[in-house]
mmCIF file of all heavy atoms, coordinates in Angstrom:
data_MODEL
# 
_entry.id   MODEL 
# 
loop_
_atom_site.group_PDB 
_atom_site.id 
_atom_site.type_symbol 
_atom_site.label_atom_id 
_atom_site.label_alt_id 
_atom_site.label_comp_id 
_atom_site.label_asym_id 
_atom_site.label_entity_id 
_atom_site.label_seq_id 
_atom_site.pdbx_PDB_ins_code 
_atom_site.Cartn_x 
_atom_site.Cartn_y 
_atom_site.Cartn_z 
_atom_site.occupancy 
_atom_site.B_iso_or_equiv 
_atom_site.pdbx_formal_charge 
_atom_site.auth_seq_id 
_atom_site.auth_comp_id 
_atom_site.auth_asym_id 
_atom_site.auth_atom_id 
_atom_site.pdbx_PDB_model_num 
ATOM 1   N N   . LEU A 1 1  ? -14.280 7.546   -7.494  1.00 0.00 ? 1  LEU A N   1 
ATOM 2   C CA  . LEU A 1 1  ? -15.246 6.577   -7.011  1.00 0.00 ? 1  LEU A CA  1 
ATOM 3   C C   . LEU A 1 1  ? -15.181 5.340   -7.895  1.00 0.00 ? 1  LEU A C   1 
ATOM 4   O O   . LEU A 1 1  ? -15.217 5.450   -9.113  1.00 0.00 ? 1  LEU A O   1 
ATOM 5   C CB  . LEU A 1 1  ? -16.672 7.184   -7.034  1.00 0.00 ? 1  LEU A CB  1 
ATOM 6   C CG  . LEU A 1 1  ? -17.832 6.239   -6.642  1.00 0.00 ? 1  LEU A CG  1 
ATOM 7   C CD1 . LEU A 1 1  ? -17.705 5.807   -5.195  1.00 0.00 ? 1  LEU A CD1 1 
ATOM 8   C CD2 . LEU A 1 1  ? -19.171 6.925   -6.903  1.00 0.00 ? 1  LEU A CD2 1 
ATOM 9   N N   . ALA A 1 2  ? -15.094 4.171   -7.283  1.00 0.00 ? 2  ALA A N   1 
ATOM 10  C CA  . ALA A 1 2  ? -15.061 2.917   -8.021  1.00 0.00 ? 2  ALA A CA  1 
ATOM 11  C C   . ALA A 1 2  ? -16.171 2.031   -7.522  1.00 0.00 ? 2  ALA A C   1 
ATOM 12  O O   . ALA A 1 2  ? -16.274 1.750   -6.330  1.00 0.00 ? 2  ALA A O   1 
ATOM 13  C CB  . ALA A 1 2  ? -13.705 2.232   -7.815  1.00 0.00 ? 2  ALA A CB  1 
ATOM 14  N N   . ASN A 1 3  ? -17.020 1.591   -8.453  1.00 0.00 ? 3  ASN A N   1 
ATOM 15  C CA  . ASN A 1 3  ? -18.101 0.679   -8.135  1.00 0.00 ? 3  ASN A CA  1 
ATOM 16  C C   . ASN A 1 3  ? -17.845 -0.650  -8.836  1.00 0.00 ? 3  ASN A C   1 
ATOM 17  O O   . ASN A 1 3  ? -17.393 -0.695  -9.971  1.00 0.00 ? 3  ASN A O   1 
ATOM 18  C CB  . ASN A 1 3  ? -19.456 1.193   -8.624  1.00 0.00 ? 3  ASN A CB  1 
ATOM 19  C CG  . ASN A 1 3  ? -19.843 2.496   -7.928  1.00 0.00 ? 3  ASN A CG  1 
ATOM 20  O OD1 . ASN A 1 3  ? -19.441 2.715   -6.777  1.00 0.00 ? 3  ASN A OD1 1 
ATOM 21  N ND2 . ASN A 1 3  ? -20.609 3.327   -8.581  1.00 0.00 ? 3  ASN A ND2 1 
ATOM 22  N N   . GLU A 1 4  ? -18.119 -1.725  -8.123  1.00 0.00 ? 4  GLU A N   1 
ATOM 23  C CA  . GLU A 1 4  ? -18.007 -3.029  -8.725  1.00 0.00 ? 4  GLU A CA  1 
ATOM 24  C C   . GLU A 1 4  ? -19.298 -3.793  -8.504  1.00 0.00 ? 4  GLU A C   1 
ATOM 25  O O   . GLU A 1 4  ? -19.729 -4.025  -7.381  1.00 0.00 ? 4  GLU A O   1 
ATOM 26  C CB  . GLU A 1 4  ? -16.848 -3.814  -8.087  1.00 0.00 ? 4  GLU A CB  1 
ATOM 27  C CG  . GLU A 1 4  ? -16.595 -5.167  -8.722  1.00 0.00 ? 4  GLU A CG  1 
ATOM 28  C CD  . GLU A 1 4  ? -15.382 -5.867  -8.134  1.00 0.00 ? 4  GLU A CD  1 
ATOM 29  O OE1 . GLU A 1 4  ? -14.511 -5.171  -7.585  1.00 0.00 ? 4  GLU A OE1 1 
ATOM 30  O OE2 . GLU A 1 4  ? -15.328 -7.102  -8.200  1.00 0.00 ? 4  GLU A OE2 1 
ATOM 31  N N   . ALA A 1 5  ? -19.960 -4.150  -9.620  1.00 0.00 ? 5  ALA A N   1 
ATOM 32  C CA  . ALA A 1 5  ? -21.221 -4.869  -9.539  1.00 0.00 ? 5  ALA A CA  1 
ATOM 33  C C   . ALA A 1 5  ? -21.002 -6.275  -9.011  1.00 0.00 ? 5  ALA A C   1 
ATOM 34  O O   . ALA A 1 5  ? -19.896 -6.815  -9.068  1.00 0.00 ? 5  ALA A O   1 
ATOM 35  C CB  . ALA A 1 5  ? -21.881 -4.927  -10.907 1.00 0.00 ? 5  ALA A CB  1 
ATOM 36  N N   . PRO A 1 6  ? -22.064 -6.895  -8.484  1.00 0.00 ? 6  PRO A N   1 
ATOM 37  C CA  . PRO A 1 6  ? -21.926 -8.256  -7.974  1.00 0.00 ? 6  PRO A CA  1 
ATOM 38  C C   . PRO A 1 6  ? -21.388 -9.207  -9.038  1.00 0.00 ? 6  PRO A C   1 
ATOM 39  O O   . PRO A 1 6  ? -21.802 -9.162  -10.186 1.00 0.00 ? 6  PRO A O   1 
ATOM 40  C CB  . PRO A 1 6  ? -23.363 -8.626  -7.566  1.00 0.00 ? 6  PRO A CB  1 
ATOM 41  C CG  . PRO A 1 6  ? -24.035 -7.316  -7.324  1.00 0.00 ? 6  PRO A CG  1 
ATOM 42  C CD  . PRO A 1 6  ? -23.410 -6.345  -8.287  1.00 0.00 ? 6  PRO A CD  1 
ATOM 43  N N   . ALA A 1 7  ? -20.480 -10.059 -8.647  1.00 0.00 ? 7  ALA A N   1 
ATOM 44  C CA  . ALA A 1 7  ? -19.937 -11.067 -9.568  1.00 0.00 ? 7  ALA A CA  1 
ATOM 45  C C   . ALA A 1 7  ? -20.934 -12.206 -9.732  1.00 0.00 ? 7  ALA A C   1 
ATOM 46  O O   . ALA A 1 7  ? -21.883 -12.353 -8.951  1.00 0.00 ? 7  ALA A O   1 
ATOM 47  C CB  . ALA A 1 7  ? -18.637 -11.614 -9.017  1.00 0.00 ? 7  ALA A CB  1 
ATOM 48  N N   . ALA A 1 8  ? -20.726 -12.952 -10.782 1.00 0.00 ? 8  ALA A N   1 
ATOM 49  C CA  . ALA A 1 8  ? -21.663 -14.017 -11.072 1.00 0.00 ? 8  ALA A CA  1 
ATOM 50  C C   . ALA A 1 8  ? -21.718 -15.065 -9.946  1.00 0.00 ? 8  ALA A C   1 
ATOM 51  O O   . ALA A 1 8  ? -22.736 -15.694 -9.710  1.00 0.00 ? 8  ALA A O   1 
ATOM 52  C CB  . ALA A 1 8  ? -21.280 -14.711 -12.391 1.00 0.00 ? 8  ALA A CB  1 
ATOM 53  N N   . ALA A 1 9  ? -20.606 -15.208 -9.221  1.00 0.00 ? 9  ALA A N   1 
ATOM 54  C CA  . ALA A 1 9  ? -20.549 -16.221 -8.184  1.00 0.00 ? 9  ALA A CA  1 
ATOM 55  C C   . ALA A 1 9  ? -21.146 -15.752 -6.851  1.00 0.00 ? 9  ALA A C   1 
ATOM 56  O O   . ALA A 1 9  ? -21.303 -16.524 -5.924  1.00 0.00 ? 9  ALA A O   1 
ATOM 57  C CB  . ALA A 1 9  ? -19.111 -16.672 -7.968  1.00 0.00 ? 9  ALA A CB  1 
ATOM 58  N N   . GLY A 1 10 ? -21.451 -14.477 -6.746  1.00 0.00 ? 10 GLY A N   1 
ATOM 59  C CA  . GLY A 1 10 ? -21.970 -13.961 -5.498  1.00 0.00 ? 10 GLY A CA  1 
ATOM 60  C C   . GLY A 1 10 ? -22.859 -12.759 -5.714  1.00 0.00 ? 10 GLY A C   1 
ATOM 61  O O   . GLY A 1 10 ? -23.258 -12.468 -6.823  1.00 0.00 ? 10 GLY A O   1 
ATOM 62  N N   . ASN A 1 11 ? -23.173 -12.073 -4.630  1.00 0.00 ? 11 ASN A N   1 
ATOM 63  C CA  . ASN A 1 11 ? -24.027 -10.913 -4.740  1.00 0.00 ? 11 ASN A CA  1 
ATOM 64  C C   . ASN A 1 11 ? -23.496 -9.817  -3.819  1.00 0.00 ? 11 ASN A C   1 
ATOM 65  O O   . ASN A 1 11 ? -24.241 -9.244  -3.017  1.00 0.00 ? 11 ASN A O   1 
ATOM 66  C CB  . ASN A 1 11 ? -25.464 -11.279 -4.359  1.00 0.00 ? 11 ASN A CB  1 
ATOM 67  C CG  . ASN A 1 11 ? -26.476 -10.310 -4.972  1.00 0.00 ? 11 ASN A CG  1 
ATOM 68  O OD1 . ASN A 1 11 ? -26.150 -9.567  -5.888  1.00 0.00 ? 11 ASN A OD1 1 
ATOM 69  N ND2 . ASN A 1 11 ? -27.687 -10.308 -4.459  1.00 0.00 ? 11 ASN A ND2 1 
ATOM 70  N N   . THR A 1 12 ? -22.210 -9.546  -3.943  1.00 0.00 ? 12 THR A N   1 
ATOM 71  C CA  . THR A 1 12 ? -21.558 -8.535  -3.132  1.00 0.00 ? 12 THR A CA  1 
ATOM 72  C C   . THR A 1 12 ? -21.179 -7.328  -3.967  1.00 0.00 ? 12 THR A C   1 
ATOM 73  O O   . THR A 1 12 ? -20.544 -7.457  -5.014  1.00 0.00 ? 12 THR A O   1 
ATOM 74  C CB  . THR A 1 12 ? -20.287 -9.101  -2.450  1.00 0.00 ? 12 THR A CB  1 
ATOM 75  O OG1 . THR A 1 12 ? -20.648 -10.219 -1.654  1.00 0.00 ? 12 THR A OG1 1 
ATOM 76  C CG2 . THR A 1 12 ? -19.616 -8.058  -1.597  1.00 0.00 ? 12 THR A CG2 1 
ATOM 77  N N   . VAL A 1 13 ? -21.565 -6.160  -3.497  1.00 0.00 ? 13 VAL A N   1 
ATOM 78  C CA  . VAL A 1 13 ? -21.289 -4.906  -4.190  1.00 0.00 ? 13 VAL A CA  1 
ATOM 79  C C   . VAL A 1 13 ? -20.121 -4.199  -3.518  1.00 0.00 ? 13 VAL A C   1 
ATOM 80  O O   . VAL A 1 13 ? -20.064 -4.159  -2.275  1.00 0.00 ? 13 VAL A O   1 
ATOM 81  C CB  . VAL A 1 13 ? -22.545 -3.992  -4.170  1.00 0.00 ? 13 VAL A CB  1 
ATOM 82  C CG1 . VAL A 1 13 ? -22.256 -2.680  -4.883  1.00 0.00 ? 13 VAL A CG1 1 
ATOM 83  C CG2 . VAL A 1 13 ? -23.722 -4.697  -4.816  1.00 0.00 ? 13 VAL A CG2 1 
ATOM 84  N N   . HIS A 1 14 ? -19.204 -3.640  -4.300  1.00 0.00 ? 14 HIS A N   1 
ATOM 85  C CA  . HIS A 1 14 ? -18.081 -2.889  -3.769  1.00 0.00 ? 14 HIS A CA  1 
ATOM 86  C C   . HIS A 1 14 ? -18.304 -1.407  -4.100  1.00 0.00 ? 14 HIS A C   1 
ATOM 87  O O   . HIS A 1 14 ? -18.642 -1.053  -5.231  1.00 0.00 ? 14 HIS A O   1 
ATOM 88  C CB  . HIS A 1 14 ? -16.768 -3.341  -4.402  1.00 0.00 ? 14 HIS A CB  1 
ATOM 89  C CG  . HIS A 1 14 ? -16.376 -4.730  -3.981  1.00 0.00 ? 14 HIS A CG  1 
ATOM 90  N ND1 . HIS A 1 14 ? -15.104 -5.234  -4.200  1.00 0.00 ? 14 HIS A ND1 1 
ATOM 91  C CD2 . HIS A 1 14 ? -17.080 -5.704  -3.360  1.00 0.00 ? 14 HIS A CD2 1 
ATOM 92  C CE1 . HIS A 1 14 ? -15.047 -6.471  -3.731  1.00 0.00 ? 14 HIS A CE1 1 
ATOM 93  N NE2 . HIS A 1 14 ? -16.223 -6.778  -3.225  1.00 0.00 ? 14 HIS A NE2 1 
ATOM 94  N N   . TRP A 1 15 ? -18.101 -0.542  -3.099  1.00 0.00 ? 15 TRP A N   1 
ATOM 95  C CA  . TRP A 1 15 ? -18.214 0.907   -3.293  1.00 0.00 ? 15 TRP A CA  1 
ATOM 96  C C   . TRP A 1 15 ? -17.005 1.535   -2.600  1.00 0.00 ? 15 TRP A C   1 
ATOM 97  O O   . TRP A 1 15 ? -16.918 1.550   -1.389  1.00 0.00 ? 15 TRP A O   1 
ATOM 98  C CB  . TRP A 1 15 ? -19.521 1.409   -2.650  1.00 0.00 ? 15 TRP A CB  1 
ATOM 99  C CG  . TRP A 1 15 ? -19.908 2.813   -3.016  1.00 0.00 ? 15 TRP A CG  1 
ATOM 100 C CD1 . TRP A 1 15 ? -20.663 3.206   -4.080  1.00 0.00 ? 15 TRP A CD1 1 
ATOM 101 C CD2 . TRP A 1 15 ? -19.586 4.010   -2.295  1.00 0.00 ? 15 TRP A CD2 1 
ATOM 102 N NE1 . TRP A 1 15 ? -20.829 4.589   -4.073  1.00 0.00 ? 15 TRP A NE1 1 
ATOM 103 C CE2 . TRP A 1 15 ? -20.172 5.100   -2.998  1.00 0.00 ? 15 TRP A CE2 1 
ATOM 104 C CE3 . TRP A 1 15 ? -18.843 4.276   -1.143  1.00 0.00 ? 15 TRP A CE3 1 
ATOM 105 C CZ2 . TRP A 1 15 ? -20.054 6.417   -2.569  1.00 0.00 ? 15 TRP A CZ2 1 
ATOM 106 C CZ3 . TRP A 1 15 ? -18.711 5.591   -0.711  1.00 0.00 ? 15 TRP A CZ3 1 
ATOM 107 C CH2 . TRP A 1 15 ? -19.330 6.656   -1.421  1.00 0.00 ? 15 TRP A CH2 1 
ATOM 108 N N   . ASP A 1 16 ? -16.068 2.036   -3.418  1.00 0.00 ? 16 ASP A N   1 
ATOM 109 C CA  . ASP A 1 16 ? -14.814 2.577   -2.892  1.00 0.00 ? 16 ASP A CA  1 
ATOM 110 C C   . ASP A 1 16 ? -14.679 4.038   -3.297  1.00 0.00 ? 16 ASP A C   1 
ATOM 111 O O   . ASP A 1 16 ? -14.722 4.380   -4.502  1.00 0.00 ? 16 ASP A O   1 
ATOM 112 C CB  . ASP A 1 16 ? -13.598 1.825   -3.448  1.00 0.00 ? 16 ASP A CB  1 
ATOM 113 C CG  . ASP A 1 16 ? -13.603 0.365   -3.028  1.00 0.00 ? 16 ASP A CG  1 
ATOM 114 O OD1 . ASP A 1 16 ? -14.385 0.012   -2.122  1.00 0.00 ? 16 ASP A OD1 1 
ATOM 115 O OD2 . ASP A 1 16 ? -12.849 -0.420  -3.617  1.00 0.00 ? 16 ASP A OD2 1 
ATOM 116 N N   . ALA A 1 17 ? -14.531 4.899   -2.301  1.00 0.00 ? 17 ALA A N   1 
ATOM 117 C CA  . ALA A 1 17 ? -14.359 6.337   -2.586  1.00 0.00 ? 17 ALA A CA  1 
ATOM 118 C C   . ALA A 1 17 ? -13.024 6.769   -1.975  1.00 0.00 ? 17 ALA A C   1 
ATOM 119 O O   . ALA A 1 17 ? -12.702 6.429   -0.833  1.00 0.00 ? 17 ALA A O   1 
ATOM 120 C CB  . ALA A 1 17 ? -15.506 7.151   -2.001  1.00 0.00 ? 17 ALA A CB  1 
ATOM 121 N N   . ASP A 1 18 ? -12.278 7.542   -2.744  1.00 0.00 ? 18 ASP A N   1 
ATOM 122 C CA  . ASP A 1 18 ? -10.954 8.001   -2.310  1.00 0.00 ? 18 ASP A CA  1 
ATOM 123 C C   . ASP A 1 18 ? -10.881 9.507   -2.525  1.00 0.00 ? 18 ASP A C   1 
ATOM 124 O O   . ASP A 1 18 ? -11.001 9.982   -3.685  1.00 0.00 ? 18 ASP A O   1 
ATOM 125 C CB  . ASP A 1 18 ? -9.865  7.287   -3.112  1.00 0.00 ? 18 ASP A CB  1 
ATOM 126 C CG  . ASP A 1 18 ? -8.505  7.411   -2.450  1.00 0.00 ? 18 ASP A CG  1 
ATOM 127 O OD1 . ASP A 1 18 ? -8.390  8.166   -1.475  1.00 0.00 ? 18 ASP A OD1 1 
ATOM 128 O OD2 . ASP A 1 18 ? -7.560  6.790   -2.930  1.00 0.00 ? 18 ASP A OD2 1 
ATOM 129 N N   . LEU A 1 19 ? -10.733 10.272  -1.451  1.00 0.00 ? 19 LEU A N   1 
ATOM 130 C CA  . LEU A 1 19 ? -10.699 11.741  -1.525  1.00 0.00 ? 19 LEU A CA  1 
ATOM 131 C C   . LEU A 1 19 ? -9.398  12.253  -0.927  1.00 0.00 ? 19 LEU A C   1 
ATOM 132 O O   . LEU A 1 19 ? -8.995  11.836  0.154   1.00 0.00 ? 19 LEU A O   1 
ATOM 133 C CB  . LEU A 1 19 ? -11.867 12.375  -0.765  1.00 0.00 ? 19 LEU A CB  1 
ATOM 134 C CG  . LEU A 1 19 ? -13.259 12.409  -1.391  1.00 0.00 ? 19 LEU A CG  1 
ATOM 135 C CD1 . LEU A 1 19 ? -13.808 11.012  -1.556  1.00 0.00 ? 19 LEU A CD1 1 
ATOM 136 C CD2 . LEU A 1 19 ? -14.194 13.256  -0.542  1.00 0.00 ? 19 LEU A CD2 1 
ATOM 137 N N   . THR A 1 20 ? -8.757  13.141  -1.654  1.00 0.00 ? 20 THR A N   1 
ATOM 138 C CA  . THR A 1 20 ? -7.595  13.862  -1.130  1.00 0.00 ? 20 THR A CA  1 
ATOM 139 C C   . THR A 1 20 ? -7.787  15.338  -1.432  1.00 0.00 ? 20 THR A C   1 
ATOM 140 O O   . THR A 1 20 ? -7.934  15.720  -2.589  1.00 0.00 ? 20 THR A O   1 
ATOM 141 C CB  . THR A 1 20 ? -6.288  13.376  -1.800  1.00 0.00 ? 20 THR A CB  1 
ATOM 142 O OG1 . THR A 1 20 ? -6.146  11.953  -1.609  1.00 0.00 ? 20 THR A OG1 1 
ATOM 143 C CG2 . THR A 1 20 ? -5.080  14.074  -1.200  1.00 0.00 ? 20 THR A CG2 1 
ATOM 144 N N   . TRP A 1 21 ? -7.837  16.141  -0.386  1.00 0.00 ? 21 TRP A N   1 
ATOM 145 C CA  . TRP A 1 21 ? -8.009  17.564  -0.622  1.00 0.00 ? 21 TRP A CA  1 
ATOM 146 C C   . TRP A 1 21 ? -7.065  18.372  0.253   1.00 0.00 ? 21 TRP A C   1 
ATOM 147 O O   . TRP A 1 21 ? -6.533  17.877  1.239   1.00 0.00 ? 21 TRP A O   1 
ATOM 148 C CB  . TRP A 1 21 ? -9.451  17.986  -0.427  1.00 0.00 ? 21 TRP A CB  1 
ATOM 149 C CG  . TRP A 1 21 ? -9.993  18.007  0.976   1.00 0.00 ? 21 TRP A CG  1 
ATOM 150 C CD1 . TRP A 1 21 ? -9.985  19.034  1.855   1.00 0.00 ? 21 TRP A CD1 1 
ATOM 151 C CD2 . TRP A 1 21 ? -10.647 16.902  1.643   1.00 0.00 ? 21 TRP A CD2 1 
ATOM 152 N NE1 . TRP A 1 21 ? -10.605 18.668  3.019   1.00 0.00 ? 21 TRP A NE1 1 
ATOM 153 C CE2 . TRP A 1 21 ? -11.008 17.373  2.923   1.00 0.00 ? 21 TRP A CE2 1 
ATOM 154 C CE3 . TRP A 1 21 ? -10.951 15.599  1.274   1.00 0.00 ? 21 TRP A CE3 1 
ATOM 155 C CZ2 . TRP A 1 21 ? -11.668 16.552  3.832   1.00 0.00 ? 21 TRP A CZ2 1 
ATOM 156 C CZ3 . TRP A 1 21 ? -11.611 14.809  2.183   1.00 0.00 ? 21 TRP A CZ3 1 
ATOM 157 C CH2 . TRP A 1 21 ? -11.962 15.272  3.441   1.00 0.00 ? 21 TRP A CH2 1 
ATOM 158 N N   . SER A 1 22 ? -6.862  19.625  -0.144  1.00 0.00 ? 22 SER A N   1 
ATOM 159 C CA  . SER A 1 22 ? -5.884  20.494  0.494   1.00 0.00 ? 22 SER A CA  1 
ATOM 160 C C   . SER A 1 22 ? -6.538  21.817  0.826   1.00 0.00 ? 22 SER A C   1 
ATOM 161 O O   . SER A 1 22 ? -7.421  22.274  0.123   1.00 0.00 ? 22 SER A O   1 
ATOM 162 C CB  . SER A 1 22 ? -4.674  20.727  -0.393  1.00 0.00 ? 22 SER A CB  1 
ATOM 163 O OG  . SER A 1 22 ? -4.095  19.512  -0.805  1.00 0.00 ? 22 SER A OG  1 
ATOM 164 N N   . ARG A 1 23 ? -6.086  22.414  1.880   1.00 0.00 ? 23 ARG A N   1 
ATOM 165 C CA  . ARG A 1 23 ? -6.505  23.762  2.234   1.00 0.00 ? 23 ARG A CA  1 
ATOM 166 C C   . ARG A 1 23 ? -5.326  24.691  1.998   1.00 0.00 ? 23 ARG A C   1 
ATOM 167 O O   . ARG A 1 23 ? -4.220  24.465  2.463   1.00 0.00 ? 23 ARG A O   1 
ATOM 168 C CB  . ARG A 1 23 ? -6.922  23.813  3.710   1.00 0.00 ? 23 ARG A CB  1 
ATOM 169 C CG  . ARG A 1 23 ? -8.200  23.041  3.982   1.00 0.00 ? 23 ARG A CG  1 
ATOM 170 C CD  . ARG A 1 23 ? -8.571  23.095  5.466   1.00 0.00 ? 23 ARG A CD  1 
ATOM 171 N NE  . ARG A 1 23 ? -9.783  22.355  5.726   1.00 0.00 ? 23 ARG A NE  1 
ATOM 172 C CZ  . ARG A 1 23 ? -10.299 22.158  6.939   1.00 0.00 ? 23 ARG A CZ  1 
ATOM 173 N NH1 . ARG A 1 23 ? -9.675  22.652  7.993   1.00 0.00 ? 23 ARG A NH1 1 
ATOM 174 N NH2 . ARG A 1 23 ? -11.409 21.475  7.104   1.00 0.00 ? 23 ARG A NH2 1 
ATOM 175 N N   . GLY A 1 24 ? -5.580  25.766  1.319   1.00 0.00 ? 24 GLY A N   1 
ATOM 176 C CA  . GLY A 1 24 ? -4.516  26.702  1.017   1.00 0.00 ? 24 GLY A CA  1 
ATOM 177 C C   . GLY A 1 24 ? -5.017  27.762  0.065   1.00 0.00 ? 24 GLY A C   1 
ATOM 178 O O   . GLY A 1 24 ? -6.225  27.994  -0.061  1.00 0.00 ? 24 GLY A O   1 
ATOM 179 N N   . ARG A 1 25 ? -4.113  28.436  -0.600  1.00 0.00 ? 25 ARG A N   1 
ATOM 180 C CA  . ARG A 1 25 ? -4.472  29.470  -1.564  1.00 0.00 ? 25 ARG A CA  1 
ATOM 181 C C   . ARG A 1 25 ? -4.360  28.899  -2.958  1.00 0.00 ? 25 ARG A C   1 
ATOM 182 O O   . ARG A 1 25 ? -3.273  28.634  -3.450  1.00 0.00 ? 25 ARG A O   1 
ATOM 183 C CB  . ARG A 1 25 ? -3.546  30.690  -1.388  1.00 0.00 ? 25 ARG A CB  1 
ATOM 184 C CG  . ARG A 1 25 ? -3.789  31.444  -0.087  1.00 0.00 ? 25 ARG A CG  1 
ATOM 185 C CD  . ARG A 1 25 ? -2.812  32.613  0.038   1.00 0.00 ? 25 ARG A CD  1 
ATOM 186 N NE  . ARG A 1 25 ? -1.439  32.152  0.170   1.00 0.00 ? 25 ARG A NE  1 
ATOM 187 C CZ  . ARG A 1 25 ? -0.370  32.960  0.092   1.00 0.00 ? 25 ARG A CZ  1 
ATOM 188 N NH1 . ARG A 1 25 ? -0.548  34.253  -0.171  1.00 0.00 ? 25 ARG A NH1 1 
ATOM 189 N NH2 . ARG A 1 25 ? 0.843   32.482  0.267   1.00 0.00 ? 25 ARG A NH2 1 
ATOM 190 N N   . PHE A 1 26 ? -5.495  28.753  -3.595  1.00 0.00 ? 26 PHE A N   1 
ATOM 191 C CA  . PHE A 1 26 ? -5.544  28.219  -4.953  1.00 0.00 ? 26 PHE A CA  1 
ATOM 192 C C   . PHE A 1 26 ? -6.353  29.198  -5.794  1.00 0.00 ? 26 PHE A C   1 
ATOM 193 O O   . PHE A 1 26 ? -7.583  29.154  -5.801  1.00 0.00 ? 26 PHE A O   1 
ATOM 194 C CB  . PHE A 1 26 ? -6.182  26.816  -4.991  1.00 0.00 ? 26 PHE A CB  1 
ATOM 195 C CG  . PHE A 1 26 ? -5.421  25.798  -4.204  1.00 0.00 ? 26 PHE A CG  1 
ATOM 196 C CD1 . PHE A 1 26 ? -5.708  25.551  -2.870  1.00 0.00 ? 26 PHE A CD1 1 
ATOM 197 C CD2 . PHE A 1 26 ? -4.380  25.106  -4.781  1.00 0.00 ? 26 PHE A CD2 1 
ATOM 198 C CE1 . PHE A 1 26 ? -5.005  24.618  -2.137  1.00 0.00 ? 26 PHE A CE1 1 
ATOM 199 C CE2 . PHE A 1 26 ? -3.649  24.157  -4.055  1.00 0.00 ? 26 PHE A CE2 1 
ATOM 200 C CZ  . PHE A 1 26 ? -3.964  23.928  -2.730  1.00 0.00 ? 26 PHE A CZ  1 
ATOM 201 N N   . PRO A 1 27 ? -5.692  30.117  -6.478  1.00 0.00 ? 27 PRO A N   1 
ATOM 202 C CA  . PRO A 1 27 ? -6.398  31.224  -7.123  1.00 0.00 ? 27 PRO A CA  1 
ATOM 203 C C   . PRO A 1 27 ? -7.294  30.817  -8.281  1.00 0.00 ? 27 PRO A C   1 
ATOM 204 O O   . PRO A 1 27 ? -8.122  31.601  -8.726  1.00 0.00 ? 27 PRO A O   1 
ATOM 205 C CB  . PRO A 1 27 ? -5.253  32.130  -7.602  1.00 0.00 ? 27 PRO A CB  1 
ATOM 206 C CG  . PRO A 1 27 ? -4.086  31.190  -7.727  1.00 0.00 ? 27 PRO A CG  1 
ATOM 207 C CD  . PRO A 1 27 ? -4.242  30.198  -6.636  1.00 0.00 ? 27 PRO A CD  1 
# 
């Protein structure tokens, strides 16, 4: 998860989530 607070020149928030998961046998 990556968050970016509003920059001084604006008031826009960035919220980026990246998920990679697998189904299988993982003991």
